[in-house]
Amino acid sequence: MEESAREIERQSGNQDIKIARLRTLKAPTKLNPAARYNSFVIQTHDPTTANKWIKSGVYYNCRLYPVEQHTP
């Protein structure tokens, strides 16, 4: 997951976003390996950064993914 977090930061371009923690929404043991998509929770210490991503989305592997605020 650490490698994926750094790759998301790199692909975010000039947004200068630092990810504090990246985890899956479901427990890793409950993930379906054949699923096309999985949900992730991206945690950051900067609320301004979080708001930027909520507005603009996240680029990962040349694709833009929508972002929404996570409420546990």
N, C-alpha and C. Protein backbone atom coordinates (compact mmCIF):
# COMPACT_ATOMS: atom_id res chain seq x y z
N MET A 1 0.81 -1.19 0.00
CA MET A 1 0.00 0.00 0.00
C MET A 1 0.86 1.27 0.00
N GLU A 2 2.01 1.18 0.65
CA GLU A 2 2.90 2.35 0.70
C GLU A 2 3.34 2.75 -0.70
N GLU A 3 3.66 1.77 -1.53
CA GLU A 3 4.08 2.04 -2.90
C GLU A 3 2.94 2.69 -3.70
N SER A 4 1.73 2.23 -3.51
CA SER A 4 0.57 2.82 -4.19
C SER A 4 0.34 4.25 -3.74
N ALA A 5 0.52 4.52 -2.45
CA ALA A 5 0.35 5.88 -1.93
C ALA A 5 1.35 6.83 -2.57
N ARG A 6 2.61 6.42 -2.67
CA ARG A 6 3.64 7.27 -3.29
C ARG A 6 3.35 7.49 -4.77
N GLU A 7 2.83 6.47 -5.44
CA GLU A 7 2.50 6.59 -6.86
C GLU A 7 1.34 7.56 -7.07
N ILE A 8 0.35 7.52 -6.21
CA ILE A 8 -0.78 8.47 -6.30
C ILE A 8 -0.26 9.89 -6.09
N GLU A 9 0.62 10.08 -5.11
CA GLU A 9 1.21 11.40 -4.88
C GLU A 9 1.96 11.88 -6.12
N ARG A 10 2.73 10.99 -6.72
CA ARG A 10 3.53 11.37 -7.90
C ARG A 10 2.62 11.74 -9.06
N GLN A 11 1.56 10.99 -9.26
CA GLN A 11 0.67 11.23 -10.39
C GLN A 11 -0.26 12.41 -10.17
N SER A 12 -0.32 12.93 -8.94
CA SER A 12 -1.19 14.08 -8.67
C SER A 12 -0.63 15.37 -9.23
N GLY A 13 0.58 15.32 -9.76
CA GLY A 13 1.16 16.48 -10.44
C GLY A 13 1.52 17.60 -9.49
N ASN A 14 1.04 18.79 -9.80
CA ASN A 14 1.45 19.99 -9.06
C ASN A 14 0.60 20.24 -7.82
N GLN A 15 -0.22 19.29 -7.41
CA GLN A 15 -1.08 19.53 -6.25
C GLN A 15 -0.33 19.40 -4.93
N ASP A 16 0.89 18.86 -4.96
CA ASP A 16 1.73 18.75 -3.76
C ASP A 16 0.97 18.13 -2.59
N ILE A 17 0.46 16.92 -2.80
CA ILE A 17 -0.35 16.24 -1.81
C ILE A 17 0.46 15.13 -1.15
N LYS A 18 0.42 15.07 0.16
CA LYS A 18 1.10 14.02 0.91
C LYS A 18 0.06 13.13 1.59
N ILE A 19 0.15 11.84 1.32
CA ILE A 19 -0.78 10.87 1.90
C ILE A 19 -0.20 10.37 3.22
N ALA A 20 -0.97 10.50 4.30
CA ALA A 20 -0.52 10.01 5.60
C ALA A 20 -0.74 8.51 5.71
N ARG A 21 -1.86 8.04 5.13
CA ARG A 21 -2.17 6.61 5.20
C ARG A 21 -3.13 6.25 4.07
N LEU A 22 -2.92 5.09 3.48
CA LEU A 22 -3.79 4.57 2.43
C LEU A 22 -4.21 3.17 2.87
N ARG A 23 -5.52 2.94 2.86
CA ARG A 23 -6.01 1.61 3.25
C ARG A 23 -7.25 1.29 2.44
N THR A 24 -7.60 0.02 2.40
CA THR A 24 -8.82 -0.39 1.71
C THR A 24 -10.01 -0.13 2.62
N LEU A 25 -11.17 0.09 2.00
CA LEU A 25 -12.37 0.35 2.78
C LEU A 25 -12.82 -0.93 3.50
N LYS A 26 -12.69 -2.06 2.81
CA LYS A 26 -13.00 -3.35 3.43
C LYS A 26 -11.73 -3.95 4.03
N ALA A 27 -11.91 -4.88 4.92
CA ALA A 27 -10.76 -5.60 5.47
C ALA A 27 -10.07 -6.35 4.33
N PRO A 28 -8.74 -6.39 4.32
CA PRO A 28 -8.02 -7.08 3.23
C PRO A 28 -8.47 -8.53 3.02
N THR A 29 -8.89 -9.20 4.07
CA THR A 29 -9.32 -10.59 3.93
C THR A 29 -10.67 -10.71 3.22
N LYS A 30 -11.43 -9.61 3.17
CA LYS A 30 -12.75 -9.64 2.54
C LYS A 30 -12.74 -9.11 1.11
N LEU A 31 -11.58 -8.70 0.61
CA LEU A 31 -11.50 -8.18 -0.75
C LEU A 31 -11.61 -9.31 -1.76
N ASN A 32 -12.32 -9.05 -2.83
CA ASN A 32 -12.46 -10.02 -3.90
C ASN A 32 -11.33 -9.77 -4.90
N PRO A 33 -10.42 -10.71 -5.08
CA PRO A 33 -9.30 -10.48 -6.01
C PRO A 33 -9.74 -10.36 -7.47
N ALA A 34 -10.94 -10.84 -7.80
CA ALA A 34 -11.43 -10.76 -9.17
C ALA A 34 -12.24 -9.48 -9.43
N ALA A 35 -12.43 -8.66 -8.41
CA ALA A 35 -13.22 -7.44 -8.57
C ALA A 35 -12.49 -6.44 -9.45
N ARG A 36 -13.25 -5.72 -10.28
CA ARG A 36 -12.63 -4.71 -11.15
C ARG A 36 -12.18 -3.50 -10.35
N TYR A 37 -12.94 -3.14 -9.33
CA TYR A 37 -12.65 -1.94 -8.54
C TYR A 37 -12.74 -2.26 -7.05
N ASN A 38 -11.99 -1.51 -6.27
CA ASN A 38 -12.07 -1.56 -4.82
C ASN A 38 -12.07 -0.13 -4.32
N SER A 39 -12.64 0.08 -3.15
CA SER A 39 -12.66 1.41 -2.55
C SER A 39 -11.49 1.55 -1.59
N PHE A 40 -10.88 2.74 -1.60
CA PHE A 40 -9.75 3.02 -0.73
C PHE A 40 -10.04 4.26 0.09
N VAL A 41 -9.44 4.31 1.26
CA VAL A 41 -9.51 5.48 2.12
C VAL A 41 -8.13 6.11 2.11
N ILE A 42 -8.07 7.38 1.69
CA ILE A 42 -6.82 8.13 1.67
C ILE A 42 -6.89 9.13 2.81
N GLN A 43 -5.95 9.02 3.73
CA GLN A 43 -5.92 9.94 4.86
C GLN A 43 -4.76 10.91 4.70
N THR A 44 -5.04 12.16 5.02
CA THR A 44 -4.02 13.21 4.97
C THR A 44 -4.18 14.09 6.21
N HIS A 45 -3.12 14.77 6.60
CA HIS A 45 -3.18 15.63 7.78
C HIS A 45 -3.66 17.04 7.44
N ASP A 46 -3.81 17.33 6.17
CA ASP A 46 -4.15 18.68 5.72
C ASP A 46 -5.57 18.73 5.16
N PRO A 47 -6.51 19.41 5.84
CA PRO A 47 -7.87 19.47 5.33
C PRO A 47 -7.98 20.20 3.99
N THR A 48 -7.09 21.15 3.72
CA THR A 48 -7.10 21.85 2.45
C THR A 48 -6.79 20.88 1.32
N THR A 49 -5.83 20.01 1.56
CA THR A 49 -5.47 18.99 0.59
C THR A 49 -6.64 18.05 0.34
N ALA A 50 -7.29 17.62 1.40
CA ALA A 50 -8.43 16.72 1.26
C ALA A 50 -9.53 17.38 0.43
N ASN A 51 -9.78 18.64 0.67
CA ASN A 51 -10.81 19.37 -0.10
C ASN A 51 -10.44 19.50 -1.57
N LYS A 52 -9.15 19.67 -1.86
CA LYS A 52 -8.69 19.74 -3.25
C LYS A 52 -9.03 18.45 -3.98
N TRP A 53 -8.74 17.31 -3.33
CA TRP A 53 -9.01 16.02 -3.96
C TRP A 53 -10.50 15.75 -4.08
N ILE A 54 -11.28 16.19 -3.12
CA ILE A 54 -12.73 15.99 -3.22
C ILE A 54 -13.26 16.74 -4.44
N LYS A 55 -12.73 17.92 -4.70
CA LYS A 55 -13.18 18.72 -5.85
C LYS A 55 -12.63 18.20 -7.18
N SER A 56 -11.35 17.79 -7.19
CA SER A 56 -10.71 17.47 -8.47
C SER A 56 -10.64 15.98 -8.78
N GLY A 57 -10.74 15.11 -7.78
CA GLY A 57 -10.58 13.68 -8.01
C GLY A 57 -9.12 13.29 -7.87
N VAL A 58 -8.85 12.00 -8.04
CA VAL A 58 -7.51 11.45 -7.89
C VAL A 58 -7.11 10.74 -9.18
N TYR A 59 -5.92 11.07 -9.68
CA TYR A 59 -5.38 10.36 -10.84
C TYR A 59 -4.55 9.18 -10.36
N TYR A 60 -4.80 8.03 -10.97
CA TYR A 60 -4.01 6.84 -10.67
C TYR A 60 -4.02 5.97 -11.91
N ASN A 61 -2.84 5.61 -12.37
CA ASN A 61 -2.68 4.81 -13.59
C ASN A 61 -3.44 5.41 -14.77
N CYS A 62 -3.23 6.69 -14.99
CA CYS A 62 -3.80 7.42 -16.14
C CYS A 62 -5.32 7.45 -16.13
N ARG A 63 -5.92 7.37 -14.98
CA ARG A 63 -7.37 7.42 -14.89
C ARG A 63 -7.77 8.32 -13.73
N LEU A 64 -8.82 9.11 -13.93
CA LEU A 64 -9.32 9.99 -12.89
C LEU A 64 -10.41 9.28 -12.12
N TYR A 65 -10.24 9.20 -10.80
CA TYR A 65 -11.22 8.56 -9.94
C TYR A 65 -11.93 9.62 -9.10
N PRO A 66 -13.24 9.50 -8.93
CA PRO A 66 -13.97 10.46 -8.09
C PRO A 66 -13.62 10.25 -6.62
N VAL A 67 -13.73 11.31 -5.85
CA VAL A 67 -13.38 11.27 -4.42
C VAL A 67 -14.57 11.82 -3.64
N GLU A 68 -14.83 11.21 -2.52
CA GLU A 68 -15.86 11.73 -1.61
C GLU A 68 -15.35 11.61 -0.19
N GLN A 69 -15.89 12.43 0.68
CA GLN A 69 -15.47 12.41 2.06
C GLN A 69 -15.94 11.12 2.71
N HIS A 70 -15.04 10.49 3.46
CA HIS A 70 -15.36 9.23 4.13
C HIS A 70 -15.92 9.52 5.51
N THR A 71 -17.08 8.97 5.79
CA THR A 71 -17.67 9.07 7.12
C THR A 71 -17.82 7.66 7.65
N PRO A 72 -16.99 7.29 8.65
CA PRO A 72 -17.05 5.91 9.17
C PRO A 72 -18.39 5.59 9.82
